[in-house]
Amino acid sequence: MRPPARPTANGGDEPRRQPRPEAEERRAPGSGAAHFVGEAWAELKKVEWPNQHALVSGTAVVLVACIIVGFYLWLNDELWKYVVQHVLLR
């Protein structure tokens, strides 16, 4: 006999837990790596690989973003260097 469902904070009953499915069959020792490689290869076949135009565009976006962030960090570093040298150390 199951215990009654407990009420939740919003006034409803706690959802019943589904029984766990049976464990997968045991594999022979050492077959885990082969199984993993097989499944990884199957997943790689599903990937939609970019064409050359998409690859060049994506690379350009990343390079421009790196330049912008690098400039921002350099500028911020110069600002704080000035503040430390001329304001805090005087």
PDB file of N, CA and C in Angstrom:
ATOM      1  N   MET A   1       0.845  -1.184   0.000  1.00  0.00           N
ATOM      2  CA  MET A   1       0.000   0.000   0.000  1.00  0.00           C
ATOM      3  C   MET A   1       0.888   1.245   0.000  1.00  0.00           C
ATOM      4  N   ARG A   2       0.577   2.213  -0.864  1.00  0.00           N
ATOM      5  CA  ARG A   2       1.356   3.439  -0.964  1.00  0.00           C
ATOM      6  C   ARG A   2       0.914   4.437   0.087  1.00  0.00           C
ATOM      7  N   PRO A   3       1.863   5.216   0.609  1.00  0.00           N
ATOM      8  CA  PRO A   3       1.463   6.284   1.531  1.00  0.00           C
ATOM      9  C   PRO A   3       0.734   7.377   0.750  1.00  0.00           C
ATOM     10  N   PRO A   4      -0.112   8.140   1.405  1.00  0.00           N
ATOM     11  CA  PRO A   4      -0.826   9.207   0.698  1.00  0.00           C
ATOM     12  C   PRO A   4       0.146  10.278   0.214  1.00  0.00           C
ATOM     13  N   ALA A   5      -0.234  10.970  -0.868  1.00  0.00           N
ATOM     14  CA  ALA A   5       0.602  12.031  -1.423  1.00  0.00           C
ATOM     15  C   ALA A   5       0.671  13.189  -0.451  1.00  0.00           C
ATOM     16  N   ARG A   6       1.847  13.822  -0.377  1.00  0.00           N
ATOM     17  CA  ARG A   6       2.021  14.965   0.507  1.00  0.00           C
ATOM     18  C   ARG A   6       1.574  16.221  -0.211  1.00  0.00           C
ATOM     19  N   PRO A   7       0.936  17.152   0.480  1.00  0.00           N
ATOM     20  CA  PRO A   7       0.564  18.408  -0.169  1.00  0.00           C
ATOM     21  C   PRO A   7       1.808  19.248  -0.422  1.00  0.00           C
ATOM     22  N   THR A   8       1.790  20.041  -1.481  1.00  0.00           N
ATOM     23  CA  THR A   8       2.905  20.921  -1.819  1.00  0.00           C
ATOM     24  C   THR A   8       2.577  22.343  -1.397  1.00  0.00           C
ATOM     25  N   ALA A   9       3.537  23.256  -1.590  1.00  0.00           N
ATOM     26  CA  ALA A   9       3.362  24.644  -1.163  1.00  0.00           C
ATOM     27  C   ALA A   9       2.207  25.330  -1.878  1.00  0.00           C
ATOM     28  N   ASN A  10       1.948  24.939  -3.131  1.00  0.00           N
ATOM     29  CA  ASN A  10       0.868  25.597  -3.866  1.00  0.00           C
ATOM     30  C   ASN A  10      -0.475  24.896  -3.675  1.00  0.00           C
ATOM     31  N   GLY A  11      -0.537  23.951  -2.772  1.00  0.00           N
ATOM     32  CA  GLY A  11      -1.809  23.320  -2.446  1.00  0.00           C
ATOM     33  C   GLY A  11      -2.097  22.050  -3.207  1.00  0.00           C
ATOM     34  N   GLY A  12      -1.317  21.733  -4.221  1.00  0.00           N
ATOM     35  CA  GLY A  12      -1.544  20.511  -4.983  1.00  0.00           C
ATOM     36  C   GLY A  12      -0.831  19.339  -4.342  1.00  0.00           C
ATOM     37  N   ASP A  13      -1.094  18.166  -4.867  1.00  0.00           N
ATOM     38  CA  ASP A  13      -0.413  16.983  -4.371  1.00  0.00           C
ATOM     39  C   ASP A  13       0.949  16.851  -5.034  1.00  0.00           C
ATOM     40  N   GLU A  14       1.885  16.235  -4.322  1.00  0.00           N
ATOM     41  CA  GLU A  14       3.213  15.975  -4.873  1.00  0.00           C
ATOM     42  C   GLU A  14       3.069  14.972  -6.006  1.00  0.00           C
ATOM     43  N   PRO A  15       3.734  15.231  -7.128  1.00  0.00           N
ATOM     44  CA  PRO A  15       3.610  14.286  -8.238  1.00  0.00           C
ATOM     45  C   PRO A  15       4.203  12.933  -7.866  1.00  0.00           C
ATOM     46  N   ARG A  16       3.591  11.883  -8.362  1.00  0.00           N
ATOM     47  CA  ARG A  16       4.091  10.530  -8.101  1.00  0.00           C
ATOM     48  C   ARG A  16       5.360  10.303  -8.901  1.00  0.00           C
ATOM     49  N   ARG A  17       6.302   9.641  -8.295  1.00  0.00           N
ATOM     50  CA  ARG A  17       7.541   9.322  -8.993  1.00  0.00           C
ATOM     51  C   ARG A  17       7.311   8.090  -9.854  1.00  0.00           C
ATOM     52  N   GLN A  18       7.859   8.183 -11.051  1.00  0.00           N
ATOM     53  CA  GLN A  18       7.758   7.049 -11.963  1.00  0.00           C
ATOM     54  C   GLN A  18       8.799   6.010 -11.564  1.00  0.00           C
ATOM     55  N   PRO A  19       8.460   4.752 -11.651  1.00  0.00           N
ATOM     56  CA  PRO A  19       9.475   3.735 -11.327  1.00  0.00           C
ATOM     57  C   PRO A  19      10.606   3.792 -12.349  1.00  0.00           C
ATOM     58  N   ARG A  20      11.800   3.528 -11.884  1.00  0.00           N
ATOM     59  CA  ARG A  20      12.973   3.567 -12.765  1.00  0.00           C
ATOM     60  C   ARG A  20      12.918   2.400 -13.745  1.00  0.00           C
ATOM     61  N   PRO A  21      13.319   2.685 -14.994  1.00  0.00           N
ATOM     62  CA  PRO A  21      13.389   1.568 -15.944  1.00  0.00           C
ATOM     63  C   PRO A  21      14.514   0.621 -15.547  1.00  0.00           C
ATOM     64  N   GLU A  22      14.417  -0.583 -16.007  1.00  0.00           N
ATOM     65  CA  GLU A  22      15.435  -1.572 -15.689  1.00  0.00           C
ATOM     66  C   GLU A  22      16.789  -1.101 -16.195  1.00  0.00           C
ATOM     67  N   ALA A  23      17.831  -1.441 -15.488  1.00  0.00           N
ATOM     68  CA  ALA A  23      19.189  -1.047 -15.883  1.00  0.00           C
ATOM     69  C   ALA A  23      19.532  -1.666 -17.234  1.00  0.00           C
ATOM     70  N   GLU A  24      20.393  -0.961 -17.995  1.00  0.00           N
ATOM     71  CA  GLU A  24      20.812  -1.495 -19.286  1.00  0.00           C
ATOM     72  C   GLU A  24      21.554  -2.805 -19.086  1.00  0.00           C
ATOM     73  N   GLU A  25      21.580  -3.571 -20.163  1.00  0.00           N
ATOM     74  CA  GLU A  25      22.305  -4.835 -20.091  1.00  0.00           C
ATOM     75  C   GLU A  25      23.777  -4.548 -19.821  1.00  0.00           C
ATOM     76  N   ARG A  26      24.398  -5.443 -19.111  1.00  0.00           N
ATOM     77  CA  ARG A  26      25.832  -5.303 -18.847  1.00  0.00           C
ATOM     78  C   ARG A  26      26.599  -5.634 -20.111  1.00  0.00           C
ATOM     79  N   ARG A  27      27.627  -4.850 -20.379  1.00  0.00           N
ATOM     80  CA  ARG A  27      28.472  -5.105 -21.536  1.00  0.00           C
ATOM     81  C   ARG A  27      29.735  -5.821 -21.080  1.00  0.00           C
ATOM     82  N   ALA A  28      30.377  -6.428 -22.032  1.00  0.00           N
ATOM     83  CA  ALA A  28      31.621  -7.118 -21.729  1.00  0.00           C
ATOM     84  C   ALA A  28      32.679  -6.088 -21.358  1.00  0.00           C
ATOM     85  N   PRO A  29      33.604  -6.421 -20.460  1.00  0.00           N
ATOM     86  CA  PRO A  29      34.660  -5.467 -20.101  1.00  0.00           C
ATOM     87  C   PRO A  29      35.465  -5.065 -21.334  1.00  0.00           C
ATOM     88  N   GLY A  30      35.774  -3.776 -21.430  1.00  0.00           N
ATOM     89  CA  GLY A  30      36.558  -3.280 -22.545  1.00  0.00           C
ATOM     90  C   GLY A  30      35.726  -2.828 -23.725  1.00  0.00           C
ATOM     91  N   SER A  31      34.431  -3.134 -23.746  1.00  0.00           N
ATOM     92  CA  SER A  31      33.608  -2.725 -24.883  1.00  0.00           C
ATOM     93  C   SER A  31      33.067  -1.315 -24.699  1.00  0.00           C
ATOM     94  N   GLY A  32      33.295  -0.692 -23.547  1.00  0.00           N
ATOM     95  CA  GLY A  32      32.803   0.656 -23.298  1.00  0.00           C
ATOM     96  C   GLY A  32      33.426   1.680 -24.230  1.00  0.00           C
ATOM     97  N   ALA A  33      34.720   1.571 -24.461  1.00  0.00           N
ATOM     98  CA  ALA A  33      35.407   2.515 -25.339  1.00  0.00           C
ATOM     99  C   ALA A  33      34.926   2.363 -26.780  1.00  0.00           C
ATOM    100  N   ALA A  34      34.758   1.137 -27.230  1.00  0.00           N
ATOM    101  CA  ALA A  34      34.286   0.913 -28.596  1.00  0.00           C
ATOM    102  C   ALA A  34      32.860   1.430 -28.760  1.00  0.00           C
ATOM    103  N   HIS A  35      32.041   1.221 -27.756  1.00  0.00           N
ATOM    104  CA  HIS A  35      30.663   1.712 -27.799  1.00  0.00           C
ATOM    105  C   HIS A  35      30.650   3.243 -27.832  1.00  0.00           C
ATOM    106  N   PHE A  36      31.504   3.859 -27.008  1.00  0.00           N
ATOM    107  CA  PHE A  36      31.588   5.317 -26.973  1.00  0.00           C
ATOM    108  C   PHE A  36      32.017   5.871 -28.328  1.00  0.00           C
ATOM    109  N   VAL A  37      33.041   5.289 -28.931  1.00  0.00           N
ATOM    110  CA  VAL A  37      33.529   5.767 -30.221  1.00  0.00           C
ATOM    111  C   VAL A  37      32.450   5.599 -31.276  1.00  0.00           C
ATOM    112  N   GLY A  38      31.732   4.495 -31.247  1.00  0.00           N
ATOM    113  CA  GLY A  38      30.656   4.277 -32.210  1.00  0.00           C
ATOM    114  C   GLY A  38      29.548   5.301 -32.079  1.00  0.00           C
ATOM    115  N   GLU A  39      29.152   5.590 -30.843  1.00  0.00           N
ATOM    116  CA  GLU A  39      28.104   6.593 -30.638  1.00  0.00           C
ATOM    117  C   GLU A  39      28.598   7.995 -30.978  1.00  0.00           C
ATOM    118  N   ALA A  40      29.855   8.307 -30.671  1.00  0.00           N
ATOM    119  CA  ALA A  40      30.402   9.616 -31.008  1.00  0.00           C
ATOM    120  C   ALA A  40      30.442   9.794 -32.524  1.00  0.00           C
ATOM    121  N   TRP A  41      30.828   8.751 -33.250  1.00  0.00           N
ATOM    122  CA  TRP A  41      30.879   8.824 -34.711  1.00  0.00           C
ATOM    123  C   TRP A  41      29.468   9.037 -35.271  1.00  0.00           C
ATOM    124  N   ALA A  42      28.484   8.352 -34.689  1.00  0.00           N
ATOM    125  CA  ALA A  42      27.102   8.520 -35.153  1.00  0.00           C
ATOM    126  C   ALA A  42      26.624   9.959 -34.917  1.00  0.00           C
ATOM    127  N   GLU A  43      27.003  10.554 -33.799  1.00  0.00           N
ATOM    128  CA  GLU A  43      26.608  11.939 -33.532  1.00  0.00           C
ATOM    129  C   GLU A  43      27.311  12.901 -34.484  1.00  0.00           C
ATOM    130  N   LEU A  44      28.578  12.635 -34.804  1.00  0.00           N
ATOM    131  CA  LEU A  44      29.307  13.511 -35.731  1.00  0.00           C
ATOM    132  C   LEU A  44      28.703  13.479 -37.131  1.00  0.00           C
ATOM    133  N   LYS A  45      28.083  12.378 -37.499  1.00  0.00           N
ATOM    134  CA  LYS A  45      27.426  12.297 -38.806  1.00  0.00           C
ATOM    135  C   LYS A  45      26.199  13.202 -38.857  1.00  0.00           C
ATOM    136  N   LYS A  46      25.607  13.494 -37.687  1.00  0.00           N
ATOM    137  CA  LYS A  46      24.400  14.330 -37.629  1.00  0.00           C
ATOM    138  C   LYS A  46      24.724  15.828 -37.667  1.00  0.00           C
ATOM    139  N   VAL A  47      25.978  16.187 -37.452  1.00  0.00           N
ATOM    140  CA  VAL A  47      26.362  17.596 -37.365  1.00  0.00           C
ATOM    141  C   VAL A  47      26.241  18.258 -38.729  1.00  0.00           C
ATOM    142  N   GLU A  48      25.698  19.469 -38.734  1.00  0.00           N
ATOM    143  CA  GLU A  48      25.652  20.255 -39.962  1.00  0.00           C
ATOM    144  C   GLU A  48      26.908  21.119 -39.992  1.00  0.00           C
ATOM    145  N   TRP A  49      27.896  20.711 -40.757  1.00  0.00           N
ATOM    146  CA  TRP A  49      29.172  21.389 -40.804  1.00  0.00           C
ATOM    147  C   TRP A  49      29.049  22.671 -41.608  1.00  0.00           C
ATOM    148  N   PRO A  50      29.728  23.747 -41.205  1.00  0.00           N
ATOM    149  CA  PRO A  50      29.614  25.021 -41.922  1.00  0.00           C
ATOM    150  C   PRO A  50      30.335  24.971 -43.267  1.00  0.00           C
ATOM    151  N   ASN A  51      29.821  25.748 -44.216  1.00  0.00           N
ATOM    152  CA  ASN A  51      30.526  25.862 -45.490  1.00  0.00           C
ATOM    153  C   ASN A  51      31.625  26.912 -45.343  1.00  0.00           C
ATOM    154  N   GLN A  52      32.388  27.159 -46.397  1.00  0.00           N
ATOM    155  CA  GLN A  52      33.535  28.067 -46.309  1.00  0.00           C
ATOM    156  C   GLN A  52      33.096  29.491 -45.991  1.00  0.00           C
ATOM    157  N   HIS A  53      31.984  29.941 -46.579  1.00  0.00           N
ATOM    158  CA  HIS A  53      31.515  31.304 -46.326  1.00  0.00           C
ATOM    159  C   HIS A  53      31.151  31.485 -44.850  1.00  0.00           C
ATOM    160  N   ALA A  54      30.435  30.543 -44.270  1.00  0.00           N
ATOM    161  CA  ALA A  54      30.056  30.637 -42.855  1.00  0.00           C
ATOM    162  C   ALA A  54      31.283  30.587 -41.952  1.00  0.00           C
ATOM    163  N   LEU A  55      32.263  29.781 -42.337  1.00  0.00           N
ATOM    164  CA  LEU A  55      33.482  29.670 -41.545  1.00  0.00           C
ATOM    165  C   LEU A  55      34.274  30.977 -41.551  1.00  0.00           C
ATOM    166  N   VAL A  56      34.403  31.589 -42.725  1.00  0.00           N
ATOM    167  CA  VAL A  56      35.130  32.863 -42.840  1.00  0.00           C
ATOM    168  C   VAL A  56      34.383  33.959 -42.080  1.00  0.00           C
ATOM    169  N   SER A  57      33.065  33.997 -42.213  1.00  0.00           N
ATOM    170  CA  SER A  57      32.273  35.017 -41.504  1.00  0.00           C
ATOM    171  C   SER A  57      32.394  34.855 -39.996  1.00  0.00           C
ATOM    172  N   GLY A  58      32.287  33.640 -39.514  1.00  0.00           N
ATOM    173  CA  GLY A  58      32.402  33.393 -38.077  1.00  0.00           C
ATOM    174  C   GLY A  58      33.772  33.761 -37.540  1.00  0.00           C
ATOM    175  N   THR A  59      34.811  33.436 -38.310  1.00  0.00           N
ATOM    176  CA  THR A  59      36.171  33.778 -37.896  1.00  0.00           C
ATOM    177  C   THR A  59      36.351  35.289 -37.832  1.00  0.00           C
ATOM    178  N   ALA A  60      35.808  36.006 -38.816  1.00  0.00           N
ATOM    179  CA  ALA A  60      35.923  37.471 -38.821  1.00  0.00           C
ATOM    180  C   ALA A  60      35.205  38.073 -37.616  1.00  0.00           C
ATOM    181  N   VAL A  61      34.037  37.553 -37.275  1.00  0.00           N
ATOM    182  CA  VAL A  61      33.301  38.066 -36.117  1.00  0.00           C
ATOM    183  C   VAL A  61      34.106  37.864 -34.840  1.00  0.00           C
ATOM    184  N   VAL A  62      34.701  36.687 -34.689  1.00  0.00           N
ATOM    185  CA  VAL A  62      35.488  36.411 -33.481  1.00  0.00           C
ATOM    186  C   VAL A  62      36.712  37.330 -33.409  1.00  0.00           C
ATOM    187  N   LEU A  63      37.399  37.530 -34.522  1.00  0.00           N
ATOM    188  CA  LEU A  63      38.578  38.398 -34.515  1.00  0.00           C
ATOM    189  C   LEU A  63      38.221  39.844 -34.192  1.00  0.00           C
ATOM    190  N   VAL A  64      37.148  40.355 -34.766  1.00  0.00           N
ATOM    191  CA  VAL A  64      36.715  41.726 -34.477  1.00  0.00           C
ATOM    192  C   VAL A  64      36.324  41.857 -33.005  1.00  0.00           C
ATOM    193  N   ALA A  65      35.611  40.868 -32.478  1.00  0.00           N
ATOM    194  CA  ALA A  65      35.225  40.913 -31.069  1.00  0.00           C
ATOM    195  C   ALA A  65      36.454  40.891 -30.171  1.00  0.00           C
ATOM    196  N   CYS A  66      37.454  40.087 -30.516  1.00  0.00           N
ATOM    197  CA  CYS A  66      38.693  40.047 -29.721  1.00  0.00           C
ATOM    198  C   CYS A  66      39.412  41.387 -29.746  1.00  0.00           C
ATOM    199  N   ILE A  67      39.446  42.031 -30.893  1.00  0.00           N
ATOM    200  CA  ILE A  67      40.099  43.345 -30.998  1.00  0.00           C
ATOM    201  C   ILE A  67      39.361  44.375 -30.145  1.00  0.00           C
ATOM    202  N   ILE A  68      38.038  44.381 -30.213  1.00  0.00           N
ATOM    203  CA  ILE A  68      37.255  45.342 -29.429  1.00  0.00           C
ATOM    204  C   ILE A  68      37.461  45.121 -27.940  1.00  0.00           C
ATOM    205  N   VAL A  69      37.370  43.873 -27.494  1.00  0.00           N
ATOM    206  CA  VAL A  69      37.540  43.577 -26.063  1.00  0.00           C
ATOM    207  C   VAL A  69      38.970  43.876 -25.627  1.00  0.00           C
ATOM    208  N   GLY A  70      39.947  43.540 -26.473  1.00  0.00           N
ATOM    209  CA  GLY A  70      41.344  43.835 -26.139  1.00  0.00           C
ATOM    210  C   GLY A  70      41.583  45.325 -25.988  1.00  0.00           C
ATOM    211  N   PHE A  71      41.026  46.137 -26.885  1.00  0.00           N
ATOM    212  CA  PHE A  71      41.168  47.584 -26.793  1.00  0.00           C
ATOM    213  C   PHE A  71      40.515  48.111 -25.515  1.00  0.00           C
ATOM    214  N   TYR A  72      39.326  47.589 -25.189  1.00  0.00           N
ATOM    215  CA  TYR A  72      38.634  48.012 -23.970  1.00  0.00           C
ATOM    216  C   TYR A  72      39.462  47.680 -22.734  1.00  0.00           C
ATOM    217  N   LEU A  73      40.027  46.475 -22.683  1.00  0.00           N
ATOM    218  CA  LEU A  73      40.826  46.091 -21.518  1.00  0.00           C
ATOM    219  C   LEU A  73      42.110  46.915 -21.429  1.00  0.00           C
ATOM    220  N   TRP A  74      42.764  47.198 -22.574  1.00  0.00           N
ATOM    221  CA  TRP A  74      43.964  48.026 -22.566  1.00  0.00           C
ATOM    222  C   TRP A  74      43.647  49.433 -22.060  1.00  0.00           C
ATOM    223  N   LEU A  75      42.536  50.006 -22.563  1.00  0.00           N
ATOM    224  CA  LEU A  75      42.141  51.341 -22.147  1.00  0.00           C
ATOM    225  C   LEU A  75      41.821  51.382 -20.649  1.00  0.00           C
ATOM    226  N   ASN A  76      41.123  50.386 -20.167  1.00  0.00           N
ATOM    227  CA  ASN A  76      40.791  50.303 -18.749  1.00  0.00           C
ATOM    228  C   ASN A  76      42.068  50.171 -17.910  1.00  0.00           C
ATOM    229  N   ASP A  77      43.021  49.378 -18.377  1.00  0.00           N
ATOM    230  CA  ASP A  77      44.282  49.216 -17.670  1.00  0.00           C
ATOM    231  C   ASP A  77      45.047  50.536 -17.600  1.00  0.00           C
ATOM    232  N   GLU A  78      45.091  51.264 -18.716  1.00  0.00           N
ATOM    233  CA  GLU A  78      45.779  52.559 -18.722  1.00  0.00           C
ATOM    234  C   GLU A  78      45.110  53.543 -17.772  1.00  0.00           C
ATOM    235  N   LEU A  79      43.801  53.555 -17.753  1.00  0.00           N
ATOM    236  CA  LEU A  79      43.073  54.449 -16.850  1.00  0.00           C
ATOM    237  C   LEU A  79      43.408  54.146 -15.395  1.00  0.00           C
ATOM    238  N   TRP A  80      43.351  52.866 -15.007  1.00  0.00           N
ATOM    239  CA  TRP A  80      43.619  52.513 -13.609  1.00  0.00           C
ATOM    240  C   TRP A  80      45.091  52.693 -13.254  1.00  0.00           C
ATOM    241  N   LYS A  81      45.983  52.511 -14.233  1.00  0.00           N
ATOM    242  CA  LYS A  81      47.399  52.766 -13.976  1.00  0.00           C
ATOM    243  C   LYS A  81      47.597  54.245 -13.641  1.00  0.00           C
ATOM    244  N   TYR A  82      46.951  55.122 -14.388  1.00  0.00           N
ATOM    245  CA  TYR A  82      47.039  56.559 -14.115  1.00  0.00           C
ATOM    246  C   TYR A  82      46.469  56.882 -12.736  1.00  0.00           C
ATOM    247  N   VAL A  83      45.312  56.317 -12.417  1.00  0.00           N
ATOM    248  CA  VAL A  83      44.669  56.579 -11.126  1.00  0.00           C
ATOM    249  C   VAL A  83      45.585  56.134  -9.991  1.00  0.00           C
ATOM    250  N   VAL A  84      46.170  54.962 -10.095  1.00  0.00           N
ATOM    251  CA  VAL A  84      47.034  54.456  -9.024  1.00  0.00           C
ATOM    252  C   VAL A  84      48.294  55.317  -8.907  1.00  0.00           C
ATOM    253  N   GLN A  85      48.933  55.646 -10.017  1.00  0.00           N
ATOM    254  CA  GLN A  85      50.201  56.380  -9.959  1.00  0.00           C
ATOM    255  C   GLN A  85      50.027  57.837  -9.560  1.00  0.00           C
ATOM    256  N   HIS A  86      48.972  58.494 -10.028  1.00  0.00           N
ATOM    257  CA  HIS A  86      48.850  59.937  -9.801  1.00  0.00           C
ATOM    258  C   HIS A  86      47.858  60.324  -8.718  1.00  0.00           C
ATOM    259  N   VAL A  87      47.013  59.404  -8.314  1.00  0.00           N
ATOM    260  CA  VAL A  87      46.030  59.756  -7.291  1.00  0.00           C
ATOM    261  C   VAL A  87      46.312  59.017  -5.996  1.00  0.00           C
ATOM    262  N   LEU A  88      46.483  57.728  -6.064  1.00  0.00           N
ATOM    263  CA  LEU A  88      46.618  56.949  -4.831  1.00  0.00           C
ATOM    264  C   LEU A  88      48.036  56.984  -4.260  1.00  0.00           C
ATOM    265  N   LEU A  89      49.067  57.117  -5.093  1.00  0.00           N
ATOM    266  CA  LEU A  89      50.435  57.076  -4.588  1.00  0.00           C
ATOM    267  C   LEU A  89      51.023  58.450  -4.303  1.00  0.00           C
ATOM    268  N   ARG A  90      50.290  59.508  -4.408  1.00  0.00           N
ATOM    269  CA  ARG A  90      50.796  60.852  -4.125  1.00  0.00           C
ATOM    270  C   ARG A  90      50.535  61.244  -2.726  1.00  0.00           C
TER     271      ARG A  90
END
